[in-house]
mmCIF file of all heavy atoms, coordinates in Angstrom:
data_MODEL
# 
_entry.id   MODEL 
# 
loop_
_atom_site.group_PDB 
_atom_site.id 
_atom_site.type_symbol 
_atom_site.label_atom_id 
_atom_site.label_alt_id 
_atom_site.label_comp_id 
_atom_site.label_asym_id 
_atom_site.label_entity_id 
_atom_site.label_seq_id 
_atom_site.pdbx_PDB_ins_code 
_atom_site.Cartn_x 
_atom_site.Cartn_y 
_atom_site.Cartn_z 
_atom_site.occupancy 
_atom_site.B_iso_or_equiv 
_atom_site.pdbx_formal_charge 
_atom_site.auth_seq_id 
_atom_site.auth_comp_id 
_atom_site.auth_asym_id 
_atom_site.auth_atom_id 
_atom_site.pdbx_PDB_model_num 
ATOM 1   N N   . SER A 1 1  ? -23.847 -10.072 2.451  1.00 0.00 ? 1  SER A N   1 
ATOM 2   C CA  . SER A 1 1  ? -24.173 -8.805  1.800  1.00 0.00 ? 1  SER A CA  1 
ATOM 3   C C   . SER A 1 1  ? -23.074 -8.531  0.772  1.00 0.00 ? 1  SER A C   1 
ATOM 4   O O   . SER A 1 1  ? -23.029 -9.145  -0.264 1.00 0.00 ? 1  SER A O   1 
ATOM 5   C CB  . SER A 1 1  ? -24.323 -7.676  2.826  1.00 0.00 ? 1  SER A CB  1 
ATOM 6   O OG  . SER A 1 1  ? -23.198 -7.596  3.671  1.00 0.00 ? 1  SER A OG  1 
ATOM 7   N N   . ALA A 1 2  ? -22.174 -7.646  1.065  1.00 0.00 ? 2  ALA A N   1 
ATOM 8   C CA  . ALA A 1 2  ? -21.138 -7.312  0.089  1.00 0.00 ? 2  ALA A CA  1 
ATOM 9   C C   . ALA A 1 2  ? -20.096 -8.431  -0.014 1.00 0.00 ? 2  ALA A C   1 
ATOM 10  O O   . ALA A 1 2  ? -19.815 -9.141  0.951  1.00 0.00 ? 2  ALA A O   1 
ATOM 11  C CB  . ALA A 1 2  ? -20.441 -6.019  0.480  1.00 0.00 ? 2  ALA A CB  1 
ATOM 12  N N   . MET A 1 3  ? -19.546 -8.576  -1.205 1.00 0.00 ? 3  MET A N   1 
ATOM 13  C CA  . MET A 1 3  ? -18.397 -9.454  -1.426 1.00 0.00 ? 3  MET A CA  1 
ATOM 14  C C   . MET A 1 3  ? -17.347 -8.665  -2.183 1.00 0.00 ? 3  MET A C   1 
ATOM 15  O O   . MET A 1 3  ? -17.667 -7.704  -2.888 1.00 0.00 ? 3  MET A O   1 
ATOM 16  C CB  . MET A 1 3  ? -18.789 -10.702 -2.216 1.00 0.00 ? 3  MET A CB  1 
ATOM 17  C CG  . MET A 1 3  ? -19.722 -11.616 -1.460 1.00 0.00 ? 3  MET A CG  1 
ATOM 18  S SD  . MET A 1 3  ? -19.987 -13.196 -2.294 1.00 0.00 ? 3  MET A SD  1 
ATOM 19  C CE  . MET A 1 3  ? -18.397 -13.991 -2.050 1.00 0.00 ? 3  MET A CE  1 
ATOM 20  N N   . GLY A 1 4  ? -16.113 -9.080  -2.012 1.00 0.00 ? 4  GLY A N   1 
ATOM 21  C CA  . GLY A 1 4  ? -15.069 -8.301  -2.659 1.00 0.00 ? 4  GLY A CA  1 
ATOM 22  C C   . GLY A 1 4  ? -13.783 -9.056  -2.829 1.00 0.00 ? 4  GLY A C   1 
ATOM 23  O O   . GLY A 1 4  ? -13.641 -10.198 -2.373 1.00 0.00 ? 4  GLY A O   1 
ATOM 24  N N   . TRP A 1 5  ? -12.873 -8.401  -3.519 1.00 0.00 ? 5  TRP A N   1 
ATOM 25  C CA  . TRP A 1 5  ? -11.521 -8.908  -3.724 1.00 0.00 ? 5  TRP A CA  1 
ATOM 26  C C   . TRP A 1 5  ? -10.531 -7.899  -3.173 1.00 0.00 ? 5  TRP A C   1 
ATOM 27  O O   . TRP A 1 5  ? -10.679 -6.685  -3.396 1.00 0.00 ? 5  TRP A O   1 
ATOM 28  C CB  . TRP A 1 5  ? -11.247 -9.121  -5.217 1.00 0.00 ? 5  TRP A CB  1 
ATOM 29  C CG  . TRP A 1 5  ? -11.969 -10.286 -5.804 1.00 0.00 ? 5  TRP A CG  1 
ATOM 30  C CD1 . TRP A 1 5  ? -13.164 -10.265 -6.457 1.00 0.00 ? 5  TRP A CD1 1 
ATOM 31  C CD2 . TRP A 1 5  ? -11.538 -11.652 -5.786 1.00 0.00 ? 5  TRP A CD2 1 
ATOM 32  N NE1 . TRP A 1 5  ? -13.505 -11.531 -6.866 1.00 0.00 ? 5  TRP A NE1 1 
ATOM 33  C CE2 . TRP A 1 5  ? -12.521 -12.400 -6.465 1.00 0.00 ? 5  TRP A CE2 1 
ATOM 34  C CE3 . TRP A 1 5  ? -10.416 -12.313 -5.287 1.00 0.00 ? 5  TRP A CE3 1 
ATOM 35  C CZ2 . TRP A 1 5  ? -12.427 -13.776 -6.643 1.00 0.00 ? 5  TRP A CZ2 1 
ATOM 36  C CZ3 . TRP A 1 5  ? -10.323 -13.676 -5.464 1.00 0.00 ? 5  TRP A CZ3 1 
ATOM 37  C CH2 . TRP A 1 5  ? -11.305 -14.391 -6.128 1.00 0.00 ? 5  TRP A CH2 1 
ATOM 38  N N   . TYR A 1 6  ? -9.554  -8.421  -2.471 1.00 0.00 ? 6  TYR A N   1 
ATOM 39  C CA  . TYR A 1 6  ? -8.443  -7.630  -1.968 1.00 0.00 ? 6  TYR A CA  1 
ATOM 40  C C   . TYR A 1 6  ? -7.158  -8.307  -2.439 1.00 0.00 ? 6  TYR A C   1 
ATOM 41  O O   . TYR A 1 6  ? -7.175  -9.475  -2.850 1.00 0.00 ? 6  TYR A O   1 
ATOM 42  C CB  . TYR A 1 6  ? -8.460  -7.568  -0.436 1.00 0.00 ? 6  TYR A CB  1 
ATOM 43  C CG  . TYR A 1 6  ? -9.511  -6.648  0.126  1.00 0.00 ? 6  TYR A CG  1 
ATOM 44  C CD1 . TYR A 1 6  ? -10.859 -6.964  0.038  1.00 0.00 ? 6  TYR A CD1 1 
ATOM 45  C CD2 . TYR A 1 6  ? -9.160  -5.459  0.753  1.00 0.00 ? 6  TYR A CD2 1 
ATOM 46  C CE1 . TYR A 1 6  ? -11.827 -6.112  0.549  1.00 0.00 ? 6  TYR A CE1 1 
ATOM 47  C CE2 . TYR A 1 6  ? -10.119 -4.594  1.274  1.00 0.00 ? 6  TYR A CE2 1 
ATOM 48  C CZ  . TYR A 1 6  ? -11.449 -4.938  1.166  1.00 0.00 ? 6  TYR A CZ  1 
ATOM 49  O OH  . TYR A 1 6  ? -12.392 -4.087  1.673  1.00 0.00 ? 6  TYR A OH  1 
ATOM 50  N N   . ARG A 1 7  ? -6.060  -7.587  -2.349 1.00 0.00 ? 7  ARG A N   1 
ATOM 51  C CA  . ARG A 1 7  ? -4.774  -8.200  -2.697 1.00 0.00 ? 7  ARG A CA  1 
ATOM 52  C C   . ARG A 1 7  ? -3.697  -7.689  -1.765 1.00 0.00 ? 7  ARG A C   1 
ATOM 53  O O   . ARG A 1 7  ? -3.797  -6.593  -1.198 1.00 0.00 ? 7  ARG A O   1 
ATOM 54  C CB  . ARG A 1 7  ? -4.412  -7.914  -4.148 1.00 0.00 ? 7  ARG A CB  1 
ATOM 55  C CG  . ARG A 1 7  ? -4.081  -6.453  -4.465 1.00 0.00 ? 7  ARG A CG  1 
ATOM 56  C CD  . ARG A 1 7  ? -3.831  -6.287  -5.957 1.00 0.00 ? 7  ARG A CD  1 
ATOM 57  N NE  . ARG A 1 7  ? -3.400  -4.935  -6.283 1.00 0.00 ? 7  ARG A NE  1 
ATOM 58  C CZ  . ARG A 1 7  ? -3.157  -4.513  -7.514 1.00 0.00 ? 7  ARG A CZ  1 
ATOM 59  N NH1 . ARG A 1 7  ? -3.303  -5.335  -8.559 1.00 0.00 ? 7  ARG A NH1 1 
ATOM 60  N NH2 . ARG A 1 7  ? -2.765  -3.265  -7.727 1.00 0.00 ? 7  ARG A NH2 1 
ATOM 61  N N   . GLN A 1 8  ? -2.672  -8.517  -1.620 1.00 0.00 ? 8  GLN A N   1 
ATOM 62  C CA  . GLN A 1 8  ? -1.552  -8.146  -0.772 1.00 0.00 ? 8  GLN A CA  1 
ATOM 63  C C   . GLN A 1 8  ? -0.261  -8.586  -1.435 1.00 0.00 ? 8  GLN A C   1 
ATOM 64  O O   . GLN A 1 8  ? -0.045  -9.789  -1.647 1.00 0.00 ? 8  GLN A O   1 
ATOM 65  C CB  . GLN A 1 8  ? -1.678  -8.770  0.623  1.00 0.00 ? 8  GLN A CB  1 
ATOM 66  C CG  . GLN A 1 8  ? -0.629  -8.284  1.598  1.00 0.00 ? 8  GLN A CG  1 
ATOM 67  C CD  . GLN A 1 8  ? -0.954  -8.674  3.028  1.00 0.00 ? 8  GLN A CD  1 
ATOM 68  O OE1 . GLN A 1 8  ? -1.767  -9.557  3.288  1.00 0.00 ? 8  GLN A OE1 1 
ATOM 69  N NE2 . GLN A 1 8  ? -0.336  -7.999  3.977  1.00 0.00 ? 8  GLN A NE2 1 
ATOM 70  N N   . ALA A 1 9  ? 0.555   -7.623  -1.756 1.00 0.00 ? 9  ALA A N   1 
ATOM 71  C CA  . ALA A 1 9  ? 1.870   -7.892  -2.329 1.00 0.00 ? 9  ALA A CA  1 
ATOM 72  C C   . ALA A 1 9  ? 2.886   -8.010  -1.201 1.00 0.00 ? 9  ALA A C   1 
ATOM 73  O O   . ALA A 1 9  ? 2.670   -7.465  -0.105 1.00 0.00 ? 9  ALA A O   1 
ATOM 74  C CB  . ALA A 1 9  ? 2.259   -6.769  -3.289 1.00 0.00 ? 9  ALA A CB  1 
ATOM 75  N N   . PRO A 1 10 ? 3.988   -8.699  -1.433 1.00 0.00 ? 10 PRO A N   1 
ATOM 76  C CA  . PRO A 1 10 ? 5.008   -8.844  -0.387 1.00 0.00 ? 10 PRO A CA  1 
ATOM 77  C C   . PRO A 1 10 ? 5.472   -7.505  0.151  1.00 0.00 ? 10 PRO A C   1 
ATOM 78  O O   . PRO A 1 10 ? 5.795   -6.593  -0.614 1.00 0.00 ? 10 PRO A O   1 
ATOM 79  C CB  . PRO A 1 10 ? 6.140   -9.572  -1.115 1.00 0.00 ? 10 PRO A CB  1 
ATOM 80  C CG  . PRO A 1 10 ? 5.473   -10.313 -2.216 1.00 0.00 ? 10 PRO A CG  1 
ATOM 81  C CD  . PRO A 1 10 ? 4.350   -9.435  -2.663 1.00 0.00 ? 10 PRO A CD  1 
ATOM 82  N N   . GLY A 1 11 ? 5.451   -7.370  1.469  1.00 0.00 ? 11 GLY A N   1 
ATOM 83  C CA  . GLY A 1 11 ? 5.921   -6.145  2.095  1.00 0.00 ? 11 GLY A CA  1 
ATOM 84  C C   . GLY A 1 11 ? 4.946   -4.994  2.061  1.00 0.00 ? 11 GLY A C   1 
ATOM 85  O O   . GLY A 1 11 ? 5.274   -3.894  2.497  1.00 0.00 ? 11 GLY A O   1 
ATOM 86  N N   . LYS A 1 12 ? 3.746   -5.257  1.553  1.00 0.00 ? 12 LYS A N   1 
ATOM 87  C CA  . LYS A 1 12 ? 2.747   -4.189  1.450  1.00 0.00 ? 12 LYS A CA  1 
ATOM 88  C C   . LYS A 1 12 ? 1.487   -4.574  2.210  1.00 0.00 ? 12 LYS A C   1 
ATOM 89  O O   . LYS A 1 12 ? 1.250   -5.739  2.511  1.00 0.00 ? 12 LYS A O   1 
ATOM 90  C CB  . LYS A 1 12 ? 2.415   -3.899  -0.007 1.00 0.00 ? 12 LYS A CB  1 
ATOM 91  C CG  . LYS A 1 12 ? 3.581   -3.341  -0.805 1.00 0.00 ? 12 LYS A CG  1 
ATOM 92  C CD  . LYS A 1 12 ? 3.134   -2.918  -2.178 1.00 0.00 ? 12 LYS A CD  1 
ATOM 93  C CE  . LYS A 1 12 ? 4.278   -2.291  -2.957 1.00 0.00 ? 12 LYS A CE  1 
ATOM 94  N NZ  . LYS A 1 12 ? 3.844   -1.849  -4.310 1.00 0.00 ? 12 LYS A NZ  1 
ATOM 95  N N   . GLN A 1 13 ? 0.666   -3.561  2.487  1.00 0.00 ? 13 GLN A N   1 
ATOM 96  C CA  . GLN A 1 13 ? -0.594  -3.809  3.164  1.00 0.00 ? 13 GLN A CA  1 
ATOM 97  C C   . GLN A 1 13 ? -1.624  -4.370  2.197  1.00 0.00 ? 13 GLN A C   1 
ATOM 98  O O   . GLN A 1 13 ? -1.554  -4.143  0.978  1.00 0.00 ? 13 GLN A O   1 
ATOM 99  C CB  . GLN A 1 13 ? -1.120  -2.502  3.779  1.00 0.00 ? 13 GLN A CB  1 
ATOM 100 C CG  . GLN A 1 13 ? -0.325  -2.003  4.960  1.00 0.00 ? 13 GLN A CG  1 
ATOM 101 C CD  . GLN A 1 13 ? -0.987  -0.821  5.647  1.00 0.00 ? 13 GLN A CD  1 
ATOM 102 O OE1 . GLN A 1 13 ? -1.708  -0.051  5.013  1.00 0.00 ? 13 GLN A OE1 1 
ATOM 103 N NE2 . GLN A 1 13 ? -0.765  -0.678  6.931  1.00 0.00 ? 13 GLN A NE2 1 
ATOM 104 N N   . ARG A 1 14 ? -2.581  -5.090  2.763  1.00 0.00 ? 14 ARG A N   1 
ATOM 105 C CA  . ARG A 1 14 ? -3.685  -5.594  1.951  1.00 0.00 ? 14 ARG A CA  1 
ATOM 106 C C   . ARG A 1 14 ? -4.499  -4.401  1.468  1.00 0.00 ? 14 ARG A C   1 
ATOM 107 O O   . ARG A 1 14 ? -4.780  -3.473  2.237  1.00 0.00 ? 14 ARG A O   1 
ATOM 108 C CB  . ARG A 1 14 ? -4.555  -6.537  2.778  1.00 0.00 ? 14 ARG A CB  1 
ATOM 109 C CG  . ARG A 1 14 ? -5.539  -7.344  1.969  1.00 0.00 ? 14 ARG A CG  1 
ATOM 110 C CD  . ARG A 1 14 ? -6.242  -8.385  2.830  1.00 0.00 ? 14 ARG A CD  1 
ATOM 111 N NE  . ARG A 1 14 ? -5.303  -9.372  3.355  1.00 0.00 ? 14 ARG A NE  1 
ATOM 112 C CZ  . ARG A 1 14 ? -5.678  -10.469 3.992  1.00 0.00 ? 14 ARG A CZ  1 
ATOM 113 N NH1 . ARG A 1 14 ? -6.974  -10.715 4.182  1.00 0.00 ? 14 ARG A NH1 1 
ATOM 114 N NH2 . ARG A 1 14 ? -4.780  -11.309 4.451  1.00 0.00 ? 14 ARG A NH2 1 
ATOM 115 N N   . GLU A 1 15 ? -4.895  -4.438  0.195  1.00 0.00 ? 15 GLU A N   1 
ATOM 116 C CA  . GLU A 1 15 ? -5.625  -3.301  -0.371 1.00 0.00 ? 15 GLU A CA  1 
ATOM 117 C C   . GLU A 1 15 ? -6.855  -3.785  -1.124 1.00 0.00 ? 15 GLU A C   1 
ATOM 118 O O   . GLU A 1 15 ? -6.877  -4.893  -1.667 1.00 0.00 ? 15 GLU A O   1 
ATOM 119 C CB  . GLU A 1 15 ? -4.730  -2.502  -1.329 1.00 0.00 ? 15 GLU A CB  1 
ATOM 120 C CG  . GLU A 1 15 ? -4.228  -3.278  -2.524 1.00 0.00 ? 15 GLU A CG  1 
ATOM 121 C CD  . GLU A 1 15 ? -3.404  -2.428  -3.482 1.00 0.00 ? 15 GLU A CD  1 
ATOM 122 O OE1 . GLU A 1 15 ? -3.200  -1.231  -3.214 1.00 0.00 ? 15 GLU A OE1 1 
ATOM 123 O OE2 . GLU A 1 15 ? -2.972  -2.975  -4.509 1.00 0.00 ? 15 GLU A OE2 1 
ATOM 124 N N   . LEU A 1 16 ? -7.848  -2.918  -1.174 1.00 0.00 ? 16 LEU A N   1 
ATOM 125 C CA  . LEU A 1 16 ? -9.070  -3.217  -1.905 1.00 0.00 ? 16 LEU A CA  1 
ATOM 126 C C   . LEU A 1 16 ? -8.798  -3.260  -3.398 1.00 0.00 ? 16 LEU A C   1 
ATOM 127 O O   . LEU A 1 16 ? -8.126  -2.391  -3.951 1.00 0.00 ? 16 LEU A O   1 
ATOM 128 C CB  . LEU A 1 16 ? -10.130 -2.152  -1.618 1.00 0.00 ? 16 LEU A CB  1 
ATOM 129 C CG  . LEU A 1 16 ? -11.394 -2.213  -2.476 1.00 0.00 ? 16 LEU A CG  1 
ATOM 130 C CD1 . LEU A 1 16 ? -12.242 -3.427  -2.114 1.00 0.00 ? 16 LEU A CD1 1 
ATOM 131 C CD2 . LEU A 1 16 ? -12.187 -0.925  -2.329 1.00 0.00 ? 16 LEU A CD2 1 
ATOM 132 N N   . VAL A 1 17 ? -9.364  -4.273  -4.047 1.00 0.00 ? 17 VAL A N   1 
ATOM 133 C CA  . VAL A 1 17 ? -9.350  -4.340  -5.503 1.00 0.00 ? 17 VAL A CA  1 
ATOM 134 C C   . VAL A 1 17 ? -10.727 -3.939  -6.025 1.00 0.00 ? 17 VAL A C   1 
ATOM 135 O O   . VAL A 1 17 ? -10.857 -3.015  -6.814 1.00 0.00 ? 17 VAL A O   1 
ATOM 136 C CB  . VAL A 1 17 ? -8.989  -5.752  -5.992 1.00 0.00 ? 17 VAL A CB  1 
ATOM 137 C CG1 . VAL A 1 17 ? -9.116  -5.840  -7.509 1.00 0.00 ? 17 VAL A CG1 1 
ATOM 138 C CG2 . VAL A 1 17 ? -7.586  -6.128  -5.540 1.00 0.00 ? 17 VAL A CG2 1 
ATOM 139 N N   . ALA A 1 18 ? -11.768 -4.626  -5.550 1.00 0.00 ? 18 ALA A N   1 
ATOM 140 C CA  . ALA A 1 18 ? -13.124 -4.340  -6.006 1.00 0.00 ? 18 ALA A CA  1 
ATOM 141 C C   . ALA A 1 18 ? -14.125 -4.953  -5.029 1.00 0.00 ? 18 ALA A C   1 
ATOM 142 O O   . ALA A 1 18 ? -13.828 -5.945  -4.359 1.00 0.00 ? 18 ALA A O   1 
ATOM 143 C CB  . ALA A 1 18 ? -13.366 -4.893  -7.407 1.00 0.00 ? 18 ALA A CB  1 
ATOM 144 N N   . ARG A 1 19 ? -15.319 -4.363  -4.975 1.00 0.00 ? 19 ARG A N   1 
ATOM 145 C CA  . ARG A 1 19 ? -16.405 -4.886  -4.153 1.00 0.00 ? 19 ARG A CA  1 
ATOM 146 C C   . ARG A 1 19 ? -17.685 -4.844  -4.965 1.00 0.00 ? 19 ARG A C   1 
ATOM 147 O O   . ARG A 1 19 ? -17.857 -3.998  -5.852 1.00 0.00 ? 19 ARG A O   1 
ATOM 148 C CB  . ARG A 1 19 ? -16.603 -4.057  -2.884 1.00 0.00 ? 19 ARG A CB  1 
ATOM 149 C CG  . ARG A 1 19 ? -15.461 -4.102  -1.906 1.00 0.00 ? 19 ARG A CG  1 
ATOM 150 C CD  . ARG A 1 19 ? -15.836 -3.417  -0.610 1.00 0.00 ? 19 ARG A CD  1 
ATOM 151 N NE  . ARG A 1 19 ? -16.753 -4.240  0.176  1.00 0.00 ? 19 ARG A NE  1 
ATOM 152 C CZ  . ARG A 1 19 ? -17.448 -3.762  1.203  1.00 0.00 ? 19 ARG A CZ  1 
ATOM 153 N NH1 . ARG A 1 19 ? -17.396 -2.489  1.525  1.00 0.00 ? 19 ARG A NH1 1 
ATOM 154 N NH2 . ARG A 1 19 ? -18.217 -4.573  1.892  1.00 0.00 ? 19 ARG A NH2 1 
ATOM 155 N N   . ILE A 1 20 ? -18.615 -5.748  -4.605 1.00 0.00 ? 20 ILE A N   1 
ATOM 156 C CA  . ILE A 1 20 ? -19.917 -5.786  -5.246 1.00 0.00 ? 20 ILE A CA  1 
ATOM 157 C C   . ILE A 1 20 ? -20.967 -6.080  -4.191 1.00 0.00 ? 20 ILE A C   1 
ATOM 158 O O   . ILE A 1 20 ? -20.747 -6.871  -3.282 1.00 0.00 ? 20 ILE A O   1 
ATOM 159 C CB  . ILE A 1 20 ? -19.951 -6.832  -6.387 1.00 0.00 ? 20 ILE A CB  1 
ATOM 160 C CG1 . ILE A 1 20 ? -21.255 -6.736  -7.177 1.00 0.00 ? 20 ILE A CG1 1 
ATOM 161 C CG2 . ILE A 1 20 ? -19.725 -8.238  -5.854 1.00 0.00 ? 20 ILE A CG2 1 
ATOM 162 C CD1 . ILE A 1 20 ? -21.221 -7.515  -8.493 1.00 0.00 ? 20 ILE A CD1 1 
ATOM 163 N N   . ILE A 1 21 ? -22.113 -5.394  -4.287 1.00 0.00 ? 21 ILE A N   1 
ATOM 164 C CA  . ILE A 1 21 ? -23.200 -5.598  -3.330 1.00 0.00 ? 21 ILE A CA  1 
ATOM 165 C C   . ILE A 1 21 ? -24.351 -6.297  -4.037 1.00 0.00 ? 21 ILE A C   1 
ATOM 166 O O   . ILE A 1 21 ? -24.374 -6.342  -5.283 1.00 0.00 ? 21 ILE A O   1 
ATOM 167 C CB  . ILE A 1 21 ? -23.643 -4.275  -2.683 1.00 0.00 ? 21 ILE A CB  1 
ATOM 168 C CG1 . ILE A 1 21 ? -24.187 -3.320  -3.738 1.00 0.00 ? 21 ILE A CG1 1 
ATOM 169 C CG2 . ILE A 1 21 ? -22.492 -3.646  -1.924 1.00 0.00 ? 21 ILE A CG2 1 
ATOM 170 C CD1 . ILE A 1 21 ? -24.756 -2.034  -3.136 1.00 0.00 ? 21 ILE A CD1 1 
ATOM 171 N N   . PRO A 1 22 ? -25.323 -6.832  -3.292 1.00 0.00 ? 22 PRO A N   1 
ATOM 172 C CA  . PRO A 1 22 ? -26.387 -7.622  -3.926 1.00 0.00 ? 22 PRO A CA  1 
ATOM 173 C C   . PRO A 1 22 ? -27.104 -6.920  -5.069 1.00 0.00 ? 22 PRO A C   1 
ATOM 174 O O   . PRO A 1 22 ? -27.519 -7.570  -6.007 1.00 0.00 ? 22 PRO A O   1 
ATOM 175 C CB  . PRO A 1 22 ? -27.331 -7.906  -2.751 1.00 0.00 ? 22 PRO A CB  1 
ATOM 176 C CG  . PRO A 1 22 ? -26.429 -7.955  -1.568 1.00 0.00 ? 22 PRO A CG  1 
ATOM 177 C CD  . PRO A 1 22 ? -25.403 -6.898  -1.824 1.00 0.00 ? 22 PRO A CD  1 
ATOM 178 N N   . GLY A 1 23 ? -27.290 -5.617  -5.015 1.00 0.00 ? 23 GLY A N   1 
ATOM 179 C CA  . GLY A 1 23 ? -27.970 -4.926  -6.100 1.00 0.00 ? 23 GLY A CA  1 
ATOM 180 C C   . GLY A 1 23 ? -27.135 -4.812  -7.360 1.00 0.00 ? 23 GLY A C   1 
ATOM 181 O O   . GLY A 1 23 ? -27.642 -4.398  -8.411 1.00 0.00 ? 23 GLY A O   1 
ATOM 182 N N   . GLY A 1 24 ? -25.860 -5.172  -7.252 1.00 0.00 ? 24 GLY A N   1 
ATOM 183 C CA  . GLY A 1 24 ? -24.990 -5.147  -8.417 1.00 0.00 ? 24 GLY A CA  1 
ATOM 184 C C   . GLY A 1 24 ? -24.059 -3.958  -8.474 1.00 0.00 ? 24 GLY A C   1 
ATOM 185 O O   . GLY A 1 24 ? -23.191 -3.893  -9.349 1.00 0.00 ? 24 GLY A O   1 
# 
């Protein structure tokens, strides 16, 4: 279903960058 990108910098929590669902 949904796909997305997350990022994690040193010493920080993983955070959402962007998500996309099948409808766009």
